[in-house]
Amino acid sequence: MGARASRPPNWPLSVCCSSCSTSRTGRPPRRSAAASTIDAFPAQARTVLHHGLSAPDRLTSLFPRPQANNRTATVIGLLARVGDRSSLPLLAAYRDHTVLGGTAADTIRHINNRTTMET
């Protein structure tokens, strides 16, 4: 039988993914393949994410019975990382959404702050 991949034996669970803390070990968190891909190809990722916002009913998931708002919230959150001014009109449509409005507003602020600093 082949060796099984796992986290190193002395690493706490808190360092097993990119969103976990590293304060106890000082080791940097592992980056997900998705984060690496988005960072390497931001314009292409942005195009896909824009399409996801314009057709949220067509977003899919690997998980059984996922909530549609969770998929859309993920798209909105990823746009905070790679979105630009062209993302703002798509996000504005979600500002008054009862569930996604706060996430959309946070992403709009993040994009505005980031693009203001870049110019």
C-alpha atoms as a PDB file:
ATOM      1  CA  MET A   1       0.000   0.000   0.000  1.00  0.00           C
ATOM      2  CA  GLY A   2       1.187   3.529  -0.798  1.00  0.00           C
ATOM      3  CA  ALA A   3       2.000   6.143   1.788  1.00  0.00           C
ATOM      4  CA  ARG A   4      -0.952   8.143   2.972  1.00  0.00           C
ATOM      5  CA  ALA A   5      -0.753  11.949   2.744  1.00  0.00           C
ATOM      6  CA  SER A   6      -1.472  13.771   5.971  1.00  0.00           C
ATOM      7  CA  ARG A   7      -0.378  16.791   7.919  1.00  0.00           C
ATOM      8  CA  PRO A   8       2.912  16.416   9.808  1.00  0.00           C
ATOM      9  CA  PRO A   9       2.289  14.628  13.126  1.00  0.00           C
ATOM     10  CA  ASN A  10       3.182  17.533  15.421  1.00  0.00           C
ATOM     11  CA  TRP A  11       1.298  20.217  13.511  1.00  0.00           C
ATOM     12  CA  PRO A  12      -1.920  21.281  15.191  1.00  0.00           C
ATOM     13  CA  LEU A  13      -5.057  21.189  13.086  1.00  0.00           C
ATOM     14  CA  SER A  14      -5.019  25.007  13.080  1.00  0.00           C
ATOM     15  CA  VAL A  15      -2.289  25.087  10.420  1.00  0.00           C
ATOM     16  CA  CYS A  16      -3.813  22.647   7.984  1.00  0.00           C
ATOM     17  CA  CYS A  17      -5.460  25.159   5.662  1.00  0.00           C
ATOM     18  CA  SER A  18      -4.960  28.678   4.350  1.00  0.00           C
ATOM     19  CA  SER A  19      -7.616  30.215   6.586  1.00  0.00           C
ATOM     20  CA  CYS A  20      -6.218  28.798   9.839  1.00  0.00           C
ATOM     21  CA  SER A  21      -3.995  30.588  12.333  1.00  0.00           C
ATOM     22  CA  THR A  22      -0.236  30.081  12.494  1.00  0.00           C
ATOM     23  CA  SER A  23       0.327  31.797  15.821  1.00  0.00           C
ATOM     24  CA  ARG A  24       1.165  28.609  17.738  1.00  0.00           C
ATOM     25  CA  THR A  25       3.719  27.213  15.298  1.00  0.00           C
ATOM     26  CA  GLY A  26       5.014  30.210  13.399  1.00  0.00           C
ATOM     27  CA  ARG A  27       4.711  28.224  10.168  1.00  0.00           C
ATOM     28  CA  PRO A  28       2.911  29.852   7.255  1.00  0.00           C
ATOM     29  CA  PRO A  29      -0.452  28.379   6.343  1.00  0.00           C
ATOM     30  CA  ARG A  30      -0.700  26.121   3.326  1.00  0.00           C
ATOM     31  CA  ARG A  31      -2.196  27.754   0.252  1.00  0.00           C
ATOM     32  CA  SER A  32      -5.024  26.015  -1.498  1.00  0.00           C
ATOM     33  CA  ALA A  33      -4.790  25.155  -5.177  1.00  0.00           C
ATOM     34  CA  ALA A  34      -7.697  27.509  -5.839  1.00  0.00           C
ATOM     35  CA  ALA A  35      -5.929  30.440  -4.136  1.00  0.00           C
ATOM     36  CA  SER A  36      -2.745  29.762  -6.107  1.00  0.00           C
ATOM     37  CA  THR A  37      -4.682  29.595  -9.375  1.00  0.00           C
ATOM     38  CA  ILE A  38      -6.623  32.786  -8.672  1.00  0.00           C
ATOM     39  CA  ASP A  39      -3.444  34.638  -7.745  1.00  0.00           C
ATOM     40  CA  ALA A  40      -1.632  33.381 -10.855  1.00  0.00           C
ATOM     41  CA  PHE A  41      -4.474  34.225 -13.253  1.00  0.00           C
ATOM     42  CA  PRO A  42      -6.485  37.100 -11.708  1.00  0.00           C
ATOM     43  CA  ALA A  43      -7.971  38.421 -14.980  1.00  0.00           C
ATOM     44  CA  GLN A  44      -9.150  34.991 -16.061  1.00  0.00           C
ATOM     45  CA  ALA A  45     -10.524  34.218 -12.596  1.00  0.00           C
ATOM     46  CA  ARG A  46     -12.317  37.568 -12.580  1.00  0.00           C
ATOM     47  CA  THR A  47     -14.004  36.689 -15.905  1.00  0.00           C
ATOM     48  CA  VAL A  48     -15.272  33.397 -14.470  1.00  0.00           C
ATOM     49  CA  LEU A  49     -16.415  35.047 -11.230  1.00  0.00           C
ATOM     50  CA  HIS A  50     -18.247  37.787 -13.143  1.00  0.00           C
ATOM     51  CA  HIS A  51     -20.091  35.113 -15.083  1.00  0.00           C
ATOM     52  CA  GLY A  52     -20.977  33.389 -11.809  1.00  0.00           C
ATOM     53  CA  LEU A  53     -22.552  36.590 -10.481  1.00  0.00           C
ATOM     54  CA  SER A  54     -24.471  37.188 -13.684  1.00  0.00           C
ATOM     55  CA  ALA A  55     -25.857  33.617 -13.686  1.00  0.00           C
ATOM     56  CA  PRO A  56     -25.982  32.509 -10.015  1.00  0.00           C
ATOM     57  CA  ASP A  57     -28.554  29.817 -10.760  1.00  0.00           C
ATOM     58  CA  ARG A  58     -25.945  28.046 -12.908  1.00  0.00           C
ATOM     59  CA  LEU A  59     -23.281  27.836 -10.177  1.00  0.00           C
ATOM     60  CA  THR A  60     -22.554  24.256  -9.154  1.00  0.00           C
ATOM     61  CA  SER A  61     -20.967  22.590  -6.170  1.00  0.00           C
ATOM     62  CA  LEU A  62     -19.150  19.367  -5.384  1.00  0.00           C
ATOM     63  CA  PHE A  63     -21.151  19.006  -2.188  1.00  0.00           C
ATOM     64  CA  PRO A  64     -24.619  17.447  -1.968  1.00  0.00           C
ATOM     65  CA  ARG A  65     -27.493  19.872  -1.384  1.00  0.00           C
ATOM     66  CA  PRO A  66     -25.419  23.050  -1.077  1.00  0.00           C
ATOM     67  CA  GLN A  67     -27.165  26.331  -0.401  1.00  0.00           C
ATOM     68  CA  ALA A  68     -27.334  28.575  -3.467  1.00  0.00           C
ATOM     69  CA  ASN A  69     -26.451  31.640  -1.373  1.00  0.00           C
ATOM     70  CA  ASN A  70     -23.271  29.918  -0.135  1.00  0.00           C
ATOM     71  CA  ARG A  71     -22.018  29.488  -3.694  1.00  0.00           C
ATOM     72  CA  THR A  72     -22.820  33.096  -4.549  1.00  0.00           C
ATOM     73  CA  ALA A  73     -21.227  34.319  -1.308  1.00  0.00           C
ATOM     74  CA  THR A  74     -18.050  32.452  -2.256  1.00  0.00           C
ATOM     75  CA  VAL A  75     -17.988  34.156  -5.658  1.00  0.00           C
ATOM     76  CA  ILE A  76     -18.527  37.555  -4.042  1.00  0.00           C
ATOM     77  CA  GLY A  77     -15.784  36.873  -1.496  1.00  0.00           C
ATOM     78  CA  LEU A  78     -13.307  35.802  -4.182  1.00  0.00           C
ATOM     79  CA  LEU A  79     -13.979  39.038  -6.044  1.00  0.00           C
ATOM     80  CA  ALA A  80     -12.628  40.872  -2.996  1.00  0.00           C
ATOM     81  CA  ARG A  81      -9.305  39.248  -3.909  1.00  0.00           C
ATOM     82  CA  VAL A  82      -9.283  39.779  -7.705  1.00  0.00           C
ATOM     83  CA  GLY A  83     -12.166  42.132  -8.464  1.00  0.00           C
ATOM     84  CA  ASP A  84     -11.629  45.491 -10.089  1.00  0.00           C
ATOM     85  CA  ARG A  85     -13.777  48.454 -11.101  1.00  0.00           C
ATOM     86  CA  SER A  86     -15.543  46.279 -13.691  1.00  0.00           C
ATOM     87  CA  SER A  87     -16.799  44.093 -10.820  1.00  0.00           C
ATOM     88  CA  LEU A  88     -18.607  46.929  -9.053  1.00  0.00           C
ATOM     89  CA  PRO A  89     -21.810  47.032 -11.173  1.00  0.00           C
ATOM     90  CA  LEU A  90     -22.264  43.273 -10.747  1.00  0.00           C
ATOM     91  CA  LEU A  91     -21.757  43.542  -6.986  1.00  0.00           C
ATOM     92  CA  ALA A  92     -24.064  46.546  -6.690  1.00  0.00           C
ATOM     93  CA  ALA A  93     -26.967  44.337  -7.744  1.00  0.00           C
ATOM     94  CA  TYR A  94     -26.483  42.363  -4.492  1.00  0.00           C
ATOM     95  CA  ARG A  95     -26.291  45.313  -2.063  1.00  0.00           C
ATOM     96  CA  ASP A  96     -29.963  45.055  -1.104  1.00  0.00           C
ATOM     97  CA  HIS A  97     -30.033  41.249  -0.929  1.00  0.00           C
ATOM     98  CA  THR A  98     -31.139  40.147   2.542  1.00  0.00           C
ATOM     99  CA  VAL A  99     -28.459  37.456   2.899  1.00  0.00           C
ATOM    100  CA  LEU A 100     -25.672  38.558   0.558  1.00  0.00           C
ATOM    101  CA  GLY A 101     -25.914  42.340   0.933  1.00  0.00           C
ATOM    102  CA  GLY A 102     -23.323  42.610   3.701  1.00  0.00           C
ATOM    103  CA  THR A 103     -20.822  40.452   1.841  1.00  0.00           C
ATOM    104  CA  ALA A 104     -21.363  42.452  -1.349  1.00  0.00           C
ATOM    105  CA  ALA A 105     -20.925  45.760   0.489  1.00  0.00           C
ATOM    106  CA  ASP A 106     -17.700  44.525   2.139  1.00  0.00           C
ATOM    107  CA  THR A 107     -16.354  43.396  -1.222  1.00  0.00           C
ATOM    108  CA  ILE A 108     -17.248  46.720  -2.864  1.00  0.00           C
ATOM    109  CA  ARG A 109     -15.400  48.586  -0.074  1.00  0.00           C
ATOM    110  CA  HIS A 110     -12.408  46.267  -0.395  1.00  0.00           C
ATOM    111  CA  ILE A 111     -12.196  46.755  -4.166  1.00  0.00           C
ATOM    112  CA  ASN A 112     -12.604  50.526  -3.832  1.00  0.00           C
ATOM    113  CA  ASN A 113      -9.868  50.711  -1.193  1.00  0.00           C
ATOM    114  CA  ARG A 114      -7.511  48.490  -3.165  1.00  0.00           C
ATOM    115  CA  THR A 115      -8.048  50.237  -6.516  1.00  0.00           C
ATOM    116  CA  THR A 116      -7.681  53.655  -4.891  1.00  0.00           C
ATOM    117  CA  MET A 117      -4.298  52.617  -3.485  1.00  0.00           C
ATOM    118  CA  GLU A 118      -3.173  51.213  -6.855  1.00  0.00           C
ATOM    119  CA  THR A 119      -3.849  54.462  -8.746  1.00  0.00           C
END
